[in-house]
């Protein structure tokens, strides 16, 4: 009998010791998607956004890479500002 039948995905991931990594990747994918959609709406190229952010195109590529979970708050803030937005971060239970 499979001990995971009927269990919650979060519980399984926690038992496997990978929940924090999975959550970080999920959040990063959402952020990358939202940034990409804003760029499309504003018809902004990666080069233009990198210039507005005062960063390199390779740094922007890392930010837009949905599988790269390492991103700094400063980079997120620069991207948001360059797109006319702001970031909001909150701790939830």
PDB file of N, CA and C in Angstrom:
ATOM      1  N   UNK A   1       0.854  -1.191   0.000  1.00  0.00           N
ATOM      2  CA  UNK A   1       0.000   0.000   0.000  1.00  0.00           C
ATOM      3  C   UNK A   1       0.891   1.241   0.000  1.00  0.00           C
ATOM      4  N   UNK A   2       0.536   2.228  -0.815  1.00  0.00           N
ATOM      5  CA  UNK A   2       1.291   3.472  -0.934  1.00  0.00           C
ATOM      6  C   UNK A   2       0.916   4.402   0.215  1.00  0.00           C
ATOM      7  N   UNK A   3       1.903   4.818   1.007  1.00  0.00           N
ATOM      8  CA  UNK A   3       1.611   5.674   2.163  1.00  0.00           C
ATOM      9  C   UNK A   3       1.219   7.088   1.767  1.00  0.00           C
ATOM     10  N   UNK A   4       1.398   7.481   0.484  1.00  0.00           N
ATOM     11  CA  UNK A   4       1.082   8.837   0.047  1.00  0.00           C
ATOM     12  C   UNK A   4      -0.306   8.975  -0.556  1.00  0.00           C
ATOM     13  N   UNK A   5      -1.011   7.880  -0.751  1.00  0.00           N
ATOM     14  CA  UNK A   5      -2.368   7.962  -1.294  1.00  0.00           C
ATOM     15  C   UNK A   5      -3.245   8.698  -0.295  1.00  0.00           C
ATOM     16  N   UNK A   6      -3.904   9.750  -0.784  1.00  0.00           N
ATOM     17  CA  UNK A   6      -4.784  10.549   0.070  1.00  0.00           C
ATOM     18  C   UNK A   6      -4.064  11.637   0.846  1.00  0.00           C
ATOM     19  N   UNK A   7      -2.741  11.709   0.736  1.00  0.00           N
ATOM     20  CA  UNK A   7      -2.029  12.758   1.454  1.00  0.00           C
ATOM     21  C   UNK A   7      -1.982  14.029   0.617  1.00  0.00           C
ATOM     22  N   UNK A   8      -1.576  15.104   1.240  1.00  0.00           N
ATOM     23  CA  UNK A   8      -1.462  16.389   0.557  1.00  0.00           C
ATOM     24  C   UNK A   8      -0.081  16.514  -0.059  1.00  0.00           C
ATOM     25  N   UNK A   9      -0.029  17.215  -1.198  1.00  0.00           N
ATOM     26  CA  UNK A   9       1.240  17.398  -1.894  1.00  0.00           C
ATOM     27  C   UNK A   9       2.266  18.090  -0.999  1.00  0.00           C
ATOM     28  N   UNK A  10       1.854  19.124  -0.279  1.00  0.00           N
ATOM     29  CA  UNK A  10       2.786  19.828   0.608  1.00  0.00           C
ATOM     30  C   UNK A  10       3.397  18.891   1.643  1.00  0.00           C
ATOM     31  N   UNK A  11       2.578  17.988   2.179  1.00  0.00           N
ATOM     32  CA  UNK A  11       3.081  17.039   3.174  1.00  0.00           C
ATOM     33  C   UNK A  11       4.121  16.114   2.553  1.00  0.00           C
ATOM     34  N   UNK A  12       3.843  15.644   1.343  1.00  0.00           N
ATOM     35  CA  UNK A  12       4.782  14.785   0.637  1.00  0.00           C
ATOM     36  C   UNK A  12       6.102  15.514   0.379  1.00  0.00           C
ATOM     37  N   UNK A  13       6.009  16.742  -0.135  1.00  0.00           N
ATOM     38  CA  UNK A  13       7.216  17.513  -0.437  1.00  0.00           C
ATOM     39  C   UNK A  13       8.010  17.821   0.836  1.00  0.00           C
ATOM     40  N   UNK A  14       7.293  18.068   1.919  1.00  0.00           N
ATOM     41  CA  UNK A  14       7.952  18.322   3.209  1.00  0.00           C
ATOM     42  C   UNK A  14       8.703  17.078   3.675  1.00  0.00           C
ATOM     43  N   UNK A  15       8.057  15.937   3.568  1.00  0.00           N
ATOM     44  CA  UNK A  15       8.707  14.680   3.974  1.00  0.00           C
ATOM     45  C   UNK A  15       9.938  14.392   3.119  1.00  0.00           C
ATOM     46  N   UNK A  16       9.864  14.763   1.853  1.00  0.00           N
ATOM     47  CA  UNK A  16      10.999  14.552   0.948  1.00  0.00           C
ATOM     48  C   UNK A  16      12.086  15.603   1.132  1.00  0.00           C
ATOM     49  N   UNK A  17      11.776  16.649   1.905  1.00  0.00           N
ATOM     50  CA  UNK A  17      12.755  17.696   2.185  1.00  0.00           C
ATOM     51  C   UNK A  17      12.964  18.680   1.047  1.00  0.00           C
ATOM     52  N   UNK A  18      11.975  18.800   0.159  1.00  0.00           N
ATOM     53  CA  UNK A  18      12.133  19.687  -0.992  1.00  0.00           C
ATOM     54  C   UNK A  18      11.081  20.797  -1.058  1.00  0.00           C
ATOM     55  N   UNK A  19      10.240  20.920  -0.057  1.00  0.00           N
ATOM     56  CA  UNK A  19       9.165  21.916  -0.088  1.00  0.00           C
ATOM     57  C   UNK A  19       9.676  23.340  -0.283  1.00  0.00           C
ATOM     58  N   UNK A  20      10.684  23.815   0.457  1.00  0.00           N
ATOM     59  CA  UNK A  20      11.142  25.199   0.250  1.00  0.00           C
ATOM     60  C   UNK A  20      11.639  25.467  -1.175  1.00  0.00           C
ATOM     61  N   UNK A  21      12.363  24.508  -1.747  1.00  0.00           N
ATOM     62  CA  UNK A  21      12.866  24.700  -3.106  1.00  0.00           C
ATOM     63  C   UNK A  21      11.725  24.741  -4.120  1.00  0.00           C
ATOM     64  N   UNK A  22      10.758  23.858  -3.951  1.00  0.00           N
ATOM     65  CA  UNK A  22       9.614  23.801  -4.875  1.00  0.00           C
ATOM     66  C   UNK A  22       8.807  25.094  -4.786  1.00  0.00           C
ATOM     67  N   UNK A  23       8.593  25.582  -3.568  1.00  0.00           N
ATOM     68  CA  UNK A  23       7.850  26.827  -3.397  1.00  0.00           C
ATOM     69  C   UNK A  23       8.597  27.995  -4.021  1.00  0.00           C
ATOM     70  N   UNK A  24       9.914  28.055  -3.831  1.00  0.00           N
ATOM     71  CA  UNK A  24      10.720  29.147  -4.401  1.00  0.00           C
ATOM     72  C   UNK A  24      10.658  29.133  -5.920  1.00  0.00           C
ATOM     73  N   UNK A  25      10.744  27.968  -6.509  1.00  0.00           N
ATOM     74  CA  UNK A  25      10.676  27.867  -7.964  1.00  0.00           C
ATOM     75  C   UNK A  25       9.290  28.272  -8.467  1.00  0.00           C
ATOM     76  N   UNK A  26       8.246  27.876  -7.755  1.00  0.00           N
ATOM     77  CA  UNK A  26       6.884  28.241  -8.156  1.00  0.00           C
ATOM     78  C   UNK A  26       6.695  29.757  -8.119  1.00  0.00           C
ATOM     79  N   UNK A  27       7.172  30.384  -7.065  1.00  0.00           N
ATOM     80  CA  UNK A  27       7.055  31.841  -6.950  1.00  0.00           C
ATOM     81  C   UNK A  27       7.846  32.513  -8.069  1.00  0.00           C
ATOM     82  N   UNK A  28       9.052  32.034  -8.319  1.00  0.00           N
ATOM     83  CA  UNK A  28       9.887  32.625  -9.362  1.00  0.00           C
ATOM     84  C   UNK A  28       9.238  32.491 -10.730  1.00  0.00           C
ATOM     85  N   UNK A  29       8.599  31.367 -10.997  1.00  0.00           N
ATOM     86  CA  UNK A  29       7.927  31.187 -12.293  1.00  0.00           C
ATOM     87  C   UNK A  29       6.790  32.186 -12.465  1.00  0.00           C
ATOM     88  N   UNK A  30       6.057  32.443 -11.401  1.00  0.00           N
ATOM     89  CA  UNK A  30       4.973  33.427 -11.463  1.00  0.00           C
ATOM     90  C   UNK A  30       5.541  34.819 -11.728  1.00  0.00           C
ATOM     91  N   UNK A  31       6.605  35.172 -11.019  1.00  0.00           N
ATOM     92  CA  UNK A  31       7.225  36.491 -11.209  1.00  0.00           C
ATOM     93  C   UNK A  31       7.748  36.637 -12.638  1.00  0.00           C
ATOM     94  N   UNK A  32       8.442  35.633 -13.134  1.00  0.00           N
ATOM     95  CA  UNK A  32       8.980  35.683 -14.500  1.00  0.00           C
ATOM     96  C   UNK A  32       7.839  35.831 -15.508  1.00  0.00           C
ATOM     97  N   UNK A  33       6.746  35.111 -15.298  1.00  0.00           N
ATOM     98  CA  UNK A  33       5.596  35.198 -16.193  1.00  0.00           C
ATOM     99  C   UNK A  33       5.002  36.606 -16.160  1.00  0.00           C
ATOM    100  N   UNK A  34       4.807  37.150 -14.960  1.00  0.00           N
ATOM    101  CA  UNK A  34       4.218  38.483 -14.836  1.00  0.00           C
ATOM    102  C   UNK A  34       5.101  39.542 -15.498  1.00  0.00           C
ATOM    103  N   UNK A  35       6.398  39.453 -15.301  1.00  0.00           N
ATOM    104  CA  UNK A  35       7.302  40.413 -15.935  1.00  0.00           C
ATOM    105  C   UNK A  35       7.233  40.295 -17.458  1.00  0.00           C
ATOM    106  N   UNK A  36       7.219  39.074 -17.949  1.00  0.00           N
ATOM    107  CA  UNK A  36       7.117  38.865 -19.393  1.00  0.00           C
ATOM    108  C   UNK A  36       5.831  39.437 -19.962  1.00  0.00           C
ATOM    109  N   UNK A  37       4.725  39.260 -19.261  1.00  0.00           N
ATOM    110  CA  UNK A  37       3.442  39.798 -19.717  1.00  0.00           C
ATOM    111  C   UNK A  37       3.446  41.326 -19.723  1.00  0.00           C
ATOM    112  N   UNK A  38       4.040  41.923 -18.689  1.00  0.00           N
ATOM    113  CA  UNK A  38       4.135  43.386 -18.653  1.00  0.00           C
ATOM    114  C   UNK A  38       4.993  43.903 -19.805  1.00  0.00           C
ATOM    115  N   UNK A  39       6.077  43.194 -20.092  1.00  0.00           N
ATOM    116  CA  UNK A  39       6.930  43.591 -21.210  1.00  0.00           C
ATOM    117  C   UNK A  39       6.153  43.533 -22.522  1.00  0.00           C
ATOM    118  N   UNK A  40       5.363  42.488 -22.716  1.00  0.00           N
ATOM    119  CA  UNK A  40       4.550  42.372 -23.935  1.00  0.00           C
ATOM    120  C   UNK A  40       3.542  43.512 -24.028  1.00  0.00           C
ATOM    121  N   UNK A  41       2.847  43.778 -22.912  1.00  0.00           N
ATOM    122  CA  UNK A  41       1.842  44.849 -22.891  1.00  0.00           C
ATOM    123  C   UNK A  41       2.453  46.193 -23.265  1.00  0.00           C
ATOM    124  N   UNK A  42       3.674  46.422 -22.780  1.00  0.00           N
ATOM    125  CA  UNK A  42       4.338  47.699 -23.017  1.00  0.00           C
ATOM    126  C   UNK A  42       5.231  47.673 -24.256  1.00  0.00           C
ATOM    127  N   UNK A  43       5.212  46.551 -24.966  1.00  0.00           N
ATOM    128  CA  UNK A  43       6.035  46.378 -26.166  1.00  0.00           C
ATOM    129  C   UNK A  43       7.500  46.749 -25.895  1.00  0.00           C
ATOM    130  N   UNK A  44       8.008  46.221 -24.800  1.00  0.00           N
ATOM    131  CA  UNK A  44       9.367  46.519 -24.364  1.00  0.00           C
ATOM    132  C   UNK A  44      10.266  45.313 -24.600  1.00  0.00           C
ATOM    133  N   UNK A  45      11.418  45.538 -25.194  1.00  0.00           N
ATOM    134  CA  UNK A  45      12.369  44.461 -25.427  1.00  0.00           C
ATOM    135  C   UNK A  45      13.200  44.224 -24.167  1.00  0.00           C
ATOM    136  N   UNK A  46      13.877  43.098 -24.144  1.00  0.00           N
ATOM    137  CA  UNK A  46      14.763  42.795 -23.016  1.00  0.00           C
ATOM    138  C   UNK A  46      15.875  43.822 -22.919  1.00  0.00           C
ATOM    139  N   UNK A  47      16.393  44.246 -24.049  1.00  0.00           N
ATOM    140  CA  UNK A  47      17.467  45.249 -24.054  1.00  0.00           C
ATOM    141  C   UNK A  47      16.966  46.562 -23.468  1.00  0.00           C
ATOM    142  N   UNK A  48      15.770  46.974 -23.841  1.00  0.00           N
ATOM    143  CA  UNK A  48      15.201  48.214 -23.308  1.00  0.00           C
ATOM    144  C   UNK A  48      14.986  48.120 -21.802  1.00  0.00           C
ATOM    145  N   UNK A  49      14.446  46.981 -21.357  1.00  0.00           N
ATOM    146  CA  UNK A  49      14.197  46.816 -19.920  1.00  0.00           C
ATOM    147  C   UNK A  49      15.513  46.796 -19.151  1.00  0.00           C
ATOM    148  N   UNK A  50      16.502  46.091 -19.648  1.00  0.00           N
ATOM    149  CA  UNK A  50      17.808  46.049 -18.971  1.00  0.00           C
ATOM    150  C   UNK A  50      18.389  47.454 -18.864  1.00  0.00           C
ATOM    151  N   UNK A  51      18.255  48.237 -19.918  1.00  0.00           N
ATOM    152  CA  UNK A  51      18.773  49.610 -19.894  1.00  0.00           C
ATOM    153  C   UNK A  51      18.040  50.433 -18.844  1.00  0.00           C
ATOM    154  N   UNK A  52      16.712  50.311 -18.794  1.00  0.00           N
ATOM    155  CA  UNK A  52      15.933  51.050 -17.789  1.00  0.00           C
ATOM    156  C   UNK A  52      16.278  50.614 -16.369  1.00  0.00           C
ATOM    157  N   UNK A  53      16.616  49.349 -16.218  1.00  0.00           N
ATOM    158  CA  UNK A  53      16.968  48.817 -14.897  1.00  0.00           C
ATOM    159  C   UNK A  53      18.407  49.158 -14.515  1.00  0.00           C
ATOM    160  N   UNK A  54      19.162  49.653 -15.479  1.00  0.00           N
ATOM    161  CA  UNK A  54      20.584  49.931 -15.284  1.00  0.00           C
ATOM    162  C   UNK A  54      21.329  48.660 -14.879  1.00  0.00           C
ATOM    163  N   UNK A  55      21.064  47.608 -15.649  1.00  0.00           N
ATOM    164  CA  UNK A  55      21.705  46.321 -15.408  1.00  0.00           C
ATOM    165  C   UNK A  55      22.073  45.696 -16.746  1.00  0.00           C
ATOM    166  N   UNK A  56      22.723  44.566 -16.692  1.00  0.00           N
ATOM    167  CA  UNK A  56      23.117  43.881 -17.921  1.00  0.00           C
ATOM    168  C   UNK A  56      21.965  43.033 -18.455  1.00  0.00           C
ATOM    169  N   UNK A  57      22.052  42.740 -19.717  1.00  0.00           N
ATOM    170  CA  UNK A  57      21.033  41.881 -20.323  1.00  0.00           C
ATOM    171  C   UNK A  57      21.105  40.480 -19.705  1.00  0.00           C
ATOM    172  N   UNK A  58      22.309  40.013 -19.359  1.00  0.00           N
ATOM    173  CA  UNK A  58      22.432  38.680 -18.760  1.00  0.00           C
ATOM    174  C   UNK A  58      21.779  38.632 -17.377  1.00  0.00           C
ATOM    175  N   UNK A  59      21.865  39.724 -16.615  1.00  0.00           N
ATOM    176  CA  UNK A  59      21.188  39.774 -15.313  1.00  0.00           C
ATOM    177  C   UNK A  59      19.676  39.729 -15.505  1.00  0.00           C
ATOM    178  N   UNK A  60      19.193  40.410 -16.532  1.00  0.00           N
ATOM    179  CA  UNK A  60      17.769  40.375 -16.829  1.00  0.00           C
ATOM    180  C   UNK A  60      17.342  38.979 -17.273  1.00  0.00           C
ATOM    181  N   UNK A  61      18.177  38.319 -18.063  1.00  0.00           N
ATOM    182  CA  UNK A  61      17.871  36.947 -18.491  1.00  0.00           C
ATOM    183  C   UNK A  61      17.704  36.026 -17.288  1.00  0.00           C
ATOM    184  N   UNK A  62      18.566  36.192 -16.275  1.00  0.00           N
ATOM    185  CA  UNK A  62      18.442  35.377 -15.058  1.00  0.00           C
ATOM    186  C   UNK A  62      17.126  35.670 -14.344  1.00  0.00           C
ATOM    187  N   UNK A  63      16.743  36.948 -14.307  1.00  0.00           N
ATOM    188  CA  UNK A  63      15.488  37.332 -13.668  1.00  0.00           C
ATOM    189  C   UNK A  63      14.296  36.719 -14.399  1.00  0.00           C
ATOM    190  N   UNK A  64      14.348  36.687 -15.719  1.00  0.00           N
ATOM    191  CA  UNK A  64      13.234  36.175 -16.510  1.00  0.00           C
ATOM    192  C   UNK A  64      13.249  34.652 -16.666  1.00  0.00           C
ATOM    193  N   UNK A  65      14.321  34.013 -16.235  1.00  0.00           N
ATOM    194  CA  UNK A  65      14.424  32.556 -16.329  1.00  0.00           C
ATOM    195  C   UNK A  65      13.559  31.926 -15.235  1.00  0.00           C
ATOM    196  N   UNK A  66      12.463  31.256 -15.595  1.00  0.00           N
ATOM    197  CA  UNK A  66      11.564  30.707 -14.576  1.00  0.00           C
ATOM    198  C   UNK A  66      12.194  29.601 -13.733  1.00  0.00           C
ATOM    199  N   UNK A  67      13.272  29.003 -14.199  1.00  0.00           N
ATOM    200  CA  UNK A  67      13.913  27.924 -13.447  1.00  0.00           C
ATOM    201  C   UNK A  67      15.053  28.395 -12.562  1.00  0.00           C
ATOM    202  N   UNK A  68      15.385  29.674 -12.627  1.00  0.00           N
ATOM    203  CA  UNK A  68      16.459  30.229 -11.800  1.00  0.00           C
ATOM    204  C   UNK A  68      15.803  30.929 -10.610  1.00  0.00           C
ATOM    205  N   UNK A  69      15.817  30.276  -9.454  1.00  0.00           N
ATOM    206  CA  UNK A  69      15.103  30.793  -8.275  1.00  0.00           C
ATOM    207  C   UNK A  69      15.878  31.862  -7.520  1.00  0.00           C
ATOM    208  N   UNK A  70      17.141  32.063  -7.842  1.00  0.00           N
ATOM    209  CA  UNK A  70      17.913  33.071  -7.107  1.00  0.00           C
ATOM    210  C   UNK A  70      17.751  34.434  -7.774  1.00  0.00           C
ATOM    211  N   UNK A  71      17.143  35.336  -7.038  1.00  0.00           N
ATOM    212  CA  UNK A  71      16.920  36.699  -7.499  1.00  0.00           C
ATOM    213  C   UNK A  71      16.941  37.592  -6.270  1.00  0.00           C
ATOM    214  N   UNK A  72      17.488  38.793  -6.425  1.00  0.00           N
ATOM    215  CA  UNK A  72      17.543  39.690  -5.276  1.00  0.00           C
ATOM    216  C   UNK A  72      16.335  40.618  -5.265  1.00  0.00           C
ATOM    217  N   UNK A  73      16.024  41.113  -4.097  1.00  0.00           N
ATOM    218  CA  UNK A  73      14.926  42.072  -3.980  1.00  0.00           C
ATOM    219  C   UNK A  73      15.247  43.350  -4.754  1.00  0.00           C
ATOM    220  N   UNK A  74      16.504  43.747  -4.765  1.00  0.00           N
ATOM    221  CA  UNK A  74      16.911  44.936  -5.506  1.00  0.00           C
ATOM    222  C   UNK A  74      16.630  44.765  -6.998  1.00  0.00           C
ATOM    223  N   UNK A  75      16.948  43.599  -7.543  1.00  0.00           N
ATOM    224  CA  UNK A  75      16.691  43.340  -8.959  1.00  0.00           C
ATOM    225  C   UNK A  75      15.190  43.360  -9.239  1.00  0.00           C
ATOM    226  N   UNK A  76      14.409  42.750  -8.363  1.00  0.00           N
ATOM    227  CA  UNK A  76      12.954  42.775  -8.528  1.00  0.00           C
ATOM    228  C   UNK A  76      12.413  44.197  -8.475  1.00  0.00           C
ATOM    229  N   UNK A  77      12.910  44.981  -7.557  1.00  0.00           N
ATOM    230  CA  UNK A  77      12.457  46.367  -7.414  1.00  0.00           C
ATOM    231  C   UNK A  77      12.819  47.183  -8.654  1.00  0.00           C
ATOM    232  N   UNK A  78      14.017  46.987  -9.174  1.00  0.00           N
ATOM    233  CA  UNK A  78      14.430  47.706 -10.386  1.00  0.00           C
ATOM    234  C   UNK A  78      13.546  47.333 -11.573  1.00  0.00           C
ATOM    235  N   UNK A  79      13.249  46.057 -11.719  1.00  0.00           N
ATOM    236  CA  UNK A  79      12.400  45.604 -12.824  1.00  0.00           C
ATOM    237  C   UNK A  79      10.996  46.192 -12.689  1.00  0.00           C
ATOM    238  N   UNK A  80      10.447  46.122 -11.495  1.00  0.00           N
ATOM    239  CA  UNK A  80       9.106  46.657 -11.270  1.00  0.00           C
ATOM    240  C   UNK A  80       9.069  48.148 -11.587  1.00  0.00           C
ATOM    241  N   UNK A  81      10.022  48.884 -11.095  1.00  0.00           N
ATOM    242  CA  UNK A  81      10.080  50.330 -11.326  1.00  0.00           C
ATOM    243  C   UNK A  81      10.213  50.641 -12.815  1.00  0.00           C
ATOM    244  N   UNK A  82      11.052  49.894 -13.510  1.00  0.00           N
ATOM    245  CA  UNK A  82      11.256  50.102 -14.944  1.00  0.00           C
ATOM    246  C   UNK A  82       9.984  49.844 -15.745  1.00  0.00           C
ATOM    247  N   UNK A  83       9.094  49.020 -15.184  1.00  0.00           N
ATOM    248  CA  UNK A  83       7.827  48.707 -15.843  1.00  0.00           C
ATOM    249  C   UNK A  83       6.661  49.519 -15.274  1.00  0.00           C
ATOM    250  N   UNK A  84       6.980  50.503 -14.427  1.00  0.00           N
ATOM    251  CA  UNK A  84       5.946  51.359 -13.858  1.00  0.00           C
ATOM    252  C   UNK A  84       5.141  50.703 -12.753  1.00  0.00           C
ATOM    253  N   UNK A  85       5.727  49.718 -12.104  1.00  0.00           N
ATOM    254  CA  UNK A  85       5.042  48.992 -11.023  1.00  0.00           C
ATOM    255  C   UNK A  85       5.886  49.051  -9.755  1.00  0.00           C
ATOM    256  N   UNK A  86       5.380  48.444  -8.696  1.00  0.00           N
ATOM    257  CA  UNK A  86       6.158  48.274  -7.465  1.00  0.00           C
ATOM    258  C   UNK A  86       5.927  46.853  -6.959  1.00  0.00           C
ATOM    259  N   UNK A  87       6.823  46.401  -6.109  1.00  0.00           N
ATOM    260  CA  UNK A  87       6.655  45.059  -5.562  1.00  0.00           C
ATOM    261  C   UNK A  87       6.021  45.160  -4.184  1.00  0.00           C
ATOM    262  N   UNK A  88       5.304  44.120  -3.853  1.00  0.00           N
ATOM    263  CA  UNK A  88       4.688  44.020  -2.532  1.00  0.00           C
ATOM    264  C   UNK A  88       4.998  42.626  -2.015  1.00  0.00           C
ATOM    265  N   UNK A  89       5.664  42.568  -0.877  1.00  0.00           N
ATOM    266  CA  UNK A  89       6.028  41.290  -0.269  1.00  0.00           C
ATOM    267  C   UNK A  89       5.402  41.240   1.113  1.00  0.00           C
ATOM    268  N   UNK A  90       4.794  40.106   1.409  1.00  0.00           N
ATOM    269  CA  UNK A  90       4.219  39.955   2.746  1.00  0.00           C
ATOM    270  C   UNK A  90       4.463  38.544   3.244  1.00  0.00           C
ATOM    271  N   UNK A  91       4.516  38.402   4.529  1.00  0.00           N
ATOM    272  CA  UNK A  91       4.654  37.112   5.167  1.00  0.00           C
ATOM    273  C   UNK A  91       3.256  36.591   5.479  1.00  0.00           C
ATOM    274  N   UNK A  92       3.015  35.356   5.126  1.00  0.00           N
ATOM    275  CA  UNK A  92       1.689  34.775   5.358  1.00  0.00           C
ATOM    276  C   UNK A  92       1.828  33.528   6.231  1.00  0.00           C
ATOM    277  N   UNK A  93       0.767  33.215   6.907  1.00  0.00           N
ATOM    278  CA  UNK A  93       0.768  32.034   7.782  1.00  0.00           C
ATOM    279  C   UNK A  93       0.712  30.765   6.991  1.00  0.00           C
TER     280      UNK A  93
END
